[in-house]
C-alpha atoms as a PDB file:
ATOM      1  CA  VAL A   1     -39.355  -6.270 -26.218  1.00  0.00           C
ATOM      2  CA  PHE A   2     -40.994  -6.062 -23.594  1.00  0.00           C
ATOM      3  CA  ASN A   3     -43.315  -8.921 -21.711  1.00  0.00           C
ATOM      4  CA  THR A   4     -46.003  -7.941 -20.620  1.00  0.00           C
ATOM      5  CA  ALA A   5     -46.691 -10.890 -18.243  1.00  0.00           C
ATOM      6  CA  ASP A   6     -43.229 -10.155 -15.468  1.00  0.00           C
ATOM      7  CA  ASN A   7     -42.906  -6.582 -17.234  1.00  0.00           C
ATOM      8  CA  THR A   8     -39.220  -7.717 -17.831  1.00  0.00           C
ATOM      9  CA  THR A   9     -37.070  -5.915 -20.932  1.00  0.00           C
ATOM     10  CA  ALA A  10     -35.557  -7.884 -23.193  1.00  0.00           C
ATOM     11  CA  ALA A  11     -32.657  -6.971 -26.353  1.00  0.00           C
ATOM     12  CA  ILE A  12     -32.725  -8.977 -29.624  1.00  0.00           C
ATOM     13  CA  THR A  13     -30.562  -9.119 -32.016  1.00  0.00           C
ATOM     14  CA  LEU A  14     -30.967  -8.633 -35.726  1.00  0.00           C
ATOM     15  CA  ALA A  15     -29.531 -11.425 -37.447  1.00  0.00           C
ATOM     16  CA  GLY A  16     -25.892  -9.915 -40.170  1.00  0.00           C
ATOM     17  CA  GLY A  17     -25.905  -7.186 -37.922  1.00  0.00           C
ATOM     18  CA  ALA A  18     -29.575  -5.969 -38.987  1.00  0.00           C
ATOM     19  CA  THR A  19     -31.134  -2.634 -37.765  1.00  0.00           C
ATOM     20  CA  PRO A  20     -35.458  -2.817 -37.086  1.00  0.00           C
ATOM     21  CA  THR A  21     -37.192  -0.568 -39.459  1.00  0.00           C
ATOM     22  CA  THR A  22     -40.849  -1.709 -39.545  1.00  0.00           C
ATOM     23  CA  GLY A  23     -42.681  -4.671 -37.709  1.00  0.00           C
ATOM     24  CA  GLY A  24     -46.240  -6.960 -36.511  1.00  0.00           C
ATOM     25  CA  LEU A  25     -47.122  -9.156 -34.841  1.00  0.00           C
ATOM     26  CA  THR A  26     -48.374 -11.766 -34.773  1.00  0.00           C
ATOM     27  CA  LEU A  27     -52.211 -12.271 -33.079  1.00  0.00           C
ATOM     28  CA  ASP A  28     -50.225 -15.476 -30.608  1.00  0.00           C
ATOM     29  CA  GLY A  29     -48.211 -13.097 -29.604  1.00  0.00           C
ATOM     30  CA  LEU A  30     -45.637 -16.001 -31.077  1.00  0.00           C
ATOM     31  CA  PHE A  31     -44.274 -14.535 -34.158  1.00  0.00           C
ATOM     32  CA  LEU A  32     -42.540 -11.084 -35.028  1.00  0.00           C
ATOM     33  CA  TYR A  33     -41.339 -10.016 -38.394  1.00  0.00           C
ATOM     34  CA  VAL A  34     -39.664  -7.261 -38.638  1.00  0.00           C
ATOM     35  CA  GLY A  35     -38.756  -4.913 -41.309  1.00  0.00           C
ATOM     36  CA  GLY A  36     -35.163  -5.501 -41.758  1.00  0.00           C
ATOM     37  CA  SER A  37     -31.950  -2.597 -42.862  1.00  0.00           C
ATOM     38  CA  ASP A  38     -30.249  -5.250 -44.609  1.00  0.00           C
ATOM     39  CA  SER A  39     -33.350  -5.747 -47.610  1.00  0.00           C
ATOM     40  CA  LYS A  40     -34.749  -8.600 -45.441  1.00  0.00           C
ATOM     41  CA  VAL A  41     -37.493  -9.658 -43.689  1.00  0.00           C
ATOM     42  CA  HIS A  42     -36.254 -11.482 -39.991  1.00  0.00           C
ATOM     43  CA  LYS A  43     -38.942 -13.172 -38.031  1.00  0.00           C
ATOM     44  CA  VAL A  44     -38.154 -14.050 -34.557  1.00  0.00           C
ATOM     45  CA  ASP A  45     -39.145 -15.990 -31.508  1.00  0.00           C
ATOM     46  CA  LEU A  46     -40.700 -14.201 -28.678  1.00  0.00           C
ATOM     47  CA  THR A  47     -40.787 -18.105 -27.473  1.00  0.00           C
ATOM     48  CA  THR A  48     -36.972 -17.659 -27.033  1.00  0.00           C
ATOM     49  CA  ASN A  49     -36.556 -14.213 -28.104  1.00  0.00           C
ATOM     50  CA  SER A  50     -34.092 -14.698 -31.844  1.00  0.00           C
ATOM     51  CA  ASP A  51     -34.190 -14.503 -35.122  1.00  0.00           C
ATOM     52  CA  THR A  52     -35.171 -17.804 -36.398  1.00  0.00           C
ATOM     53  CA  ALA A  53     -35.033 -16.732 -39.936  1.00  0.00           C
ATOM     54  CA  GLN A  54     -33.890 -14.537 -42.868  1.00  0.00           C
ATOM     55  CA  ILE A  55     -36.693 -13.381 -46.169  1.00  0.00           C
ATOM     56  CA  ALA A  56     -34.869 -12.016 -48.442  1.00  0.00           C
ATOM     57  CA  VAL A  57     -37.262  -9.344 -50.296  1.00  0.00           C
ATOM     58  CA  THR A  58     -37.136  -7.416 -53.881  1.00  0.00           C
ATOM     59  CA  ILE A  59     -38.019  -4.038 -51.490  1.00  0.00           C
ATOM     60  CA  SER A  60     -37.226  -2.195 -48.174  1.00  0.00           C
ATOM     61  CA  PRO A  61     -39.447  -3.557 -45.560  1.00  0.00           C
ATOM     62  CA  ASP A  62     -40.646  -0.339 -44.586  1.00  0.00           C
ATOM     63  CA  PHE A  63     -43.766  -1.894 -43.429  1.00  0.00           C
ATOM     64  CA  VAL A  64     -45.049  -4.805 -42.214  1.00  0.00           C
ATOM     65  CA  VAL A  65     -48.130  -5.892 -41.304  1.00  0.00           C
ATOM     66  CA  VAL A  66     -49.592  -9.754 -40.158  1.00  0.00           C
ATOM     67  CA  LYS A  67     -52.394 -11.130 -41.563  1.00  0.00           C
ATOM     68  CA  ALA A  68     -54.668 -13.363 -39.714  1.00  0.00           C
ATOM     69  CA  LYS A  69     -55.346 -16.491 -41.693  1.00  0.00           C
END
């Protein structure tokens, strides 16, 4: 990830060693939802740079969209 506030980068490891295929950022910039090679959507908390949830889906998530409320 790239932090625009201080121009730094950080690596985020997905649970289970999955590799990212796609992603979508929430409008508030707090969470990133990433499609993984493990057929799960990973919820990444950008305040801690950690993969906090893995959501199993029945398809390979090659396109993730975050819809505003």
